[in-house]
Protein backbone atom coordinates (compact mmCIF):
# COMPACT_ATOMS: atom_id res chain seq x y z
CA MET A 1 17.76 -18.32 4.67
CA PRO A 2 19.28 -17.48 1.28
CA ILE A 3 18.90 -13.82 0.29
CA SER A 4 16.92 -14.72 -2.86
CA VAL A 5 14.40 -16.61 -0.72
CA PHE A 6 14.18 -13.65 1.67
CA TRP A 7 13.39 -11.22 -1.17
CA THR A 8 10.70 -13.43 -2.71
CA MET A 9 9.25 -13.99 0.78
CA LEU A 10 9.20 -10.24 1.40
CA GLY A 11 7.55 -9.68 -1.96
CA TYR A 12 4.94 -12.33 -1.20
CA MET A 13 4.29 -10.71 2.19
CA LEU A 14 3.88 -7.24 0.70
CA VAL A 15 1.63 -8.35 -2.15
CA CYS A 16 -0.61 -10.49 0.06
CA SER A 17 -0.75 -7.93 2.88
CA PHE A 18 -1.44 -4.85 0.77
CA THR A 19 -3.92 -6.33 -1.74
CA PRO A 20 -7.61 -5.94 -1.03
CA GLY A 21 -8.96 -8.48 1.41
CA PRO A 22 -11.68 -8.51 4.05
CA GLY A 23 -9.59 -6.71 6.69
CA ASN A 24 -8.17 -4.07 4.35
CA ILE A 25 -11.53 -3.36 2.71
CA LEU A 26 -13.23 -3.09 6.11
CA ALA A 27 -10.46 -0.76 7.35
CA LEU A 28 -10.87 1.43 4.26
CA ASN A 29 -14.64 1.46 4.51
CA THR A 30 -14.67 2.16 8.24
CA THR A 31 -12.32 5.15 8.12
CA THR A 32 -14.10 6.46 5.03
CA GLN A 33 -17.42 6.43 6.88
CA PHE A 34 -16.42 7.10 10.49
CA GLY A 35 -12.98 8.71 10.32
CA TRP A 36 -9.96 7.65 12.36
CA LYS A 37 -11.32 8.61 15.79
CA LYS A 38 -14.44 6.43 15.59
CA GLY A 39 -12.88 3.77 13.35
CA LYS A 40 -9.64 3.07 15.21
CA ARG A 41 -11.21 0.49 17.56
CA LEU A 42 -12.08 -1.69 14.59
CA ILE A 43 -8.62 -1.21 13.03
CA PHE A 44 -6.93 -2.25 16.28
CA GLY A 45 -9.29 -5.23 16.48
CA ILE A 46 -8.25 -6.32 12.98
CA CYS A 47 -4.56 -6.06 13.92
CA ALA A 48 -5.06 -7.92 17.22
CA GLY A 49 -7.04 -10.68 15.52
CA TYR A 50 -4.34 -10.99 12.88
CA ALA A 51 -1.70 -11.38 15.61
CA CYS A 52 -3.77 -14.12 17.29
CA VAL A 53 -4.22 -16.04 14.04
CA GLN A 54 -0.48 -15.69 13.33
CA PHE A 55 0.33 -17.08 16.80
CA ILE A 56 -2.09 -20.01 16.44
CA CYS A 57 -0.73 -20.93 13.00
CA THR A 58 2.88 -20.64 14.20
CA MET A 59 2.21 -22.93 17.16
CA ALA A 60 0.48 -25.45 14.89
CA ILE A 61 3.34 -25.46 12.38
CA TYR A 62 5.97 -25.71 15.12
CA GLY A 63 4.15 -28.57 16.81
CA LEU A 64 3.95 -30.46 13.55
CA ASN A 65 7.38 -29.46 12.22
CA ALA A 66 8.99 -32.85 12.89
CA TYR A 67 6.26 -34.43 10.78
CA LEU A 68 6.33 -31.68 8.17
CA THR A 69 10.02 -31.90 7.31
CA PRO A 70 9.60 -34.91 4.97
CA VAL A 71 6.64 -33.32 3.20
CA LEU A 72 8.01 -29.80 2.73
CA ILE A 73 8.75 -30.63 -0.90
CA VAL A 74 5.07 -31.35 -1.47
CA LEU A 75 4.03 -28.31 0.59
CA LYS A 76 6.11 -25.95 -1.54
CA TYR A 77 4.11 -27.08 -4.58
CA ILE A 78 0.86 -26.60 -2.70
CA GLY A 79 2.01 -23.11 -1.67
CA SER A 80 3.00 -22.34 -5.26
CA ILE A 81 -0.38 -23.50 -6.57
CA TYR A 82 -2.09 -21.30 -3.97
CA MET A 83 0.02 -18.31 -5.07
CA ALA A 84 -0.86 -18.95 -8.72
CA TRP A 85 -4.56 -19.20 -7.79
CA LEU A 86 -4.26 -15.96 -5.80
CA ALA A 87 -2.60 -14.28 -8.80
CA VAL A 88 -5.49 -15.31 -11.05
CA THR A 89 -8.01 -14.17 -8.45
CA ILE A 90 -6.29 -10.78 -8.12
CA VAL A 91 -6.02 -10.18 -11.87
CA LEU A 92 -9.73 -11.00 -12.33
CA SER A 93 -10.96 -8.98 -9.32
CA LYS A 94 -12.70 -5.62 -9.53
CA PRO A 95 -13.25 -2.92 -6.91
CA LEU A 96 -16.22 -3.50 -4.64
CA LYS A 97 -19.16 -1.28 -5.48
CA ASP A 98 -21.34 -2.03 -2.46
CA LYS A 99 -19.50 -1.67 0.85
CA LYS A 100 -21.98 -2.05 3.70
CA ASP A 101 -21.61 -0.19 6.99
CA GLU A 102 -20.86 -2.91 9.52
CA GLY A 103 -20.01 -0.69 12.48
CA ALA A 104 -16.66 0.08 14.04
CA SER A 105 -16.08 -2.13 17.07
CA PHE A 106 -12.87 -3.81 18.24
CA LYS A 107 -14.65 -7.18 18.53
CA GLU A 108 -15.88 -7.08 14.96
CA GLY A 109 -12.39 -6.40 13.62
CA PHE A 110 -10.90 -9.03 15.91
CA TYR A 111 -13.39 -11.79 15.07
CA LEU A 112 -13.22 -11.02 11.35
CA GLN A 113 -9.67 -12.37 11.27
CA PHE A 114 -10.75 -15.76 12.62
CA VAL A 115 -13.01 -16.27 9.60
CA ASN A 116 -10.71 -14.50 7.12
CA VAL A 117 -9.60 -17.43 4.97
CA LYS A 118 -7.14 -15.21 3.08
CA ILE A 119 -4.88 -14.78 6.11
CA TYR A 120 -4.95 -18.48 7.01
CA PHE A 121 -3.73 -19.43 3.55
CA TYR A 122 -1.26 -16.56 3.57
CA ILE A 123 0.21 -17.36 6.99
CA MET A 124 0.32 -21.13 6.50
CA THR A 125 1.95 -20.74 3.07
CA LEU A 126 4.45 -18.28 4.50
CA LEU A 127 5.29 -20.55 7.42
CA MET A 128 5.48 -23.81 5.47
CA VAL A 129 7.22 -22.54 2.35
CA TYR A 130 9.49 -19.76 3.59
CA LEU A 131 10.00 -19.87 7.36
CA ALA A 132 9.81 -23.45 8.72
CA PRO A 133 12.44 -24.81 6.29
CA HIS A 134 14.93 -22.19 7.54
CA ILE A 135 13.92 -21.57 11.18
CA SER A 136 13.70 -24.60 13.46
CA THR A 137 13.13 -23.01 16.89
CA LEU A 138 9.85 -21.79 18.37
CA PRO A 139 11.35 -18.44 19.49
CA GLY A 140 12.71 -17.96 15.96
CA LEU A 141 9.33 -18.67 14.36
CA LEU A 142 7.55 -16.41 16.87
CA LEU A 143 10.05 -13.62 16.21
CA ALA A 144 9.54 -14.03 12.46
CA GLY A 145 5.80 -13.91 13.19
CA VAL A 146 6.25 -10.47 14.76
CA GLY A 147 7.67 -9.31 11.43
CA VAL A 148 4.77 -10.89 9.55
CA VAL A 149 2.22 -9.25 11.86
CA SER A 150 4.04 -5.92 11.51
CA VAL A 151 3.70 -6.04 7.72
CA GLY A 152 0.02 -7.05 7.99
CA GLY A 153 -0.66 -4.30 10.53
CA ALA A 154 1.13 -1.74 8.36
CA ALA A 155 -1.02 -2.80 5.41
CA CYS A 156 -4.23 -2.45 7.42
CA LEU A 157 -3.17 0.97 8.71
CA THR A 158 -2.21 2.05 5.19
CA TRP A 159 -5.66 1.18 3.88
CA ALA A 160 -7.24 2.93 6.86
CA PHE A 161 -5.20 6.12 6.55
CA LEU A 162 -5.48 6.44 2.79
CA GLY A 163 -9.23 5.95 2.98
CA ILE A 164 -11.03 7.64 0.15
CA LYS A 165 -7.85 8.58 -1.74
CA MET A 166 -6.73 4.98 -2.09
CA GLN A 167 -10.24 3.89 -2.93
CA HIS A 168 -10.38 6.32 -5.86
CA ILE A 169 -6.91 5.36 -7.11
CA TYR A 170 -7.69 1.65 -6.92
CA GLU A 171 -11.09 2.05 -8.59
CA LYS A 172 -9.49 4.02 -11.43
CA TYR A 173 -6.38 1.86 -11.96
CA TYR A 174 -7.40 -1.52 -10.58
CA LYS A 175 -6.62 -3.41 -13.81
CA PRO A 176 -2.93 -2.46 -14.11
CA ILE A 177 -2.45 -2.64 -10.33
CA ASN A 178 -3.96 -6.13 -10.17
CA PHE A 179 -1.99 -7.24 -13.24
CA ILE A 180 1.34 -6.14 -11.74
CA LEU A 181 0.57 -7.74 -8.36
CA SER A 182 -0.49 -10.96 -10.10
CA LEU A 183 2.72 -11.09 -12.14
CA PHE A 184 4.76 -10.72 -8.99
CA LEU A 185 2.83 -13.53 -7.27
CA LEU A 186 3.39 -15.78 -10.30
CA TYR A 187 7.11 -15.00 -10.10
CA CYS A 188 7.08 -15.93 -6.39
CA ALA A 189 5.31 -19.22 -7.19
CA PHE A 190 7.83 -20.02 -9.95
CA ASP A 191 10.75 -19.17 -7.67
CA ILE A 192 9.46 -21.54 -4.96
CA VAL A 193 9.08 -24.45 -7.38
CA ARG A 194 12.45 -23.69 -8.98
CA GLY A 195 14.23 -23.51 -5.61
């Protein structure tokens, strides 16, 4: 993998993992309401569910890789369009005002990831655009998946540990934060199409 591709991939991973999404918002809300001790089961459930979705997506991409090779050119455009859409969505988003108490169970965090469309698009884009073109073995893709899950888990834990502090910072500065994150995603989309 060329170093320029690695850096844009890493940027894409960080932006997508650390921006507000269902898992991160739920982690923030749970630790804000219940603290770490009572909220950690849900946080671990989110991370475990994320790892399962990553594994399922990796197996699907690997199984179809022989068929995907000819269409990777088309897929990079689809991934770029998704990134541009995500950039627009981020720049237009506002902090949530009404965060309901949904409890703090492992199962809830785990099952959330199976209906979390954001991570499916994120993982499939990451696999099809960045990883599958450069890694052709299942062990290689699974190992790369460990890195992807590590970044996602770190993001979830960051939102959980920062709790109220991050919520106040984001609510106060969400416009410039979202604008900067959106610009970076647009750069990633441009770099994919260009490369």
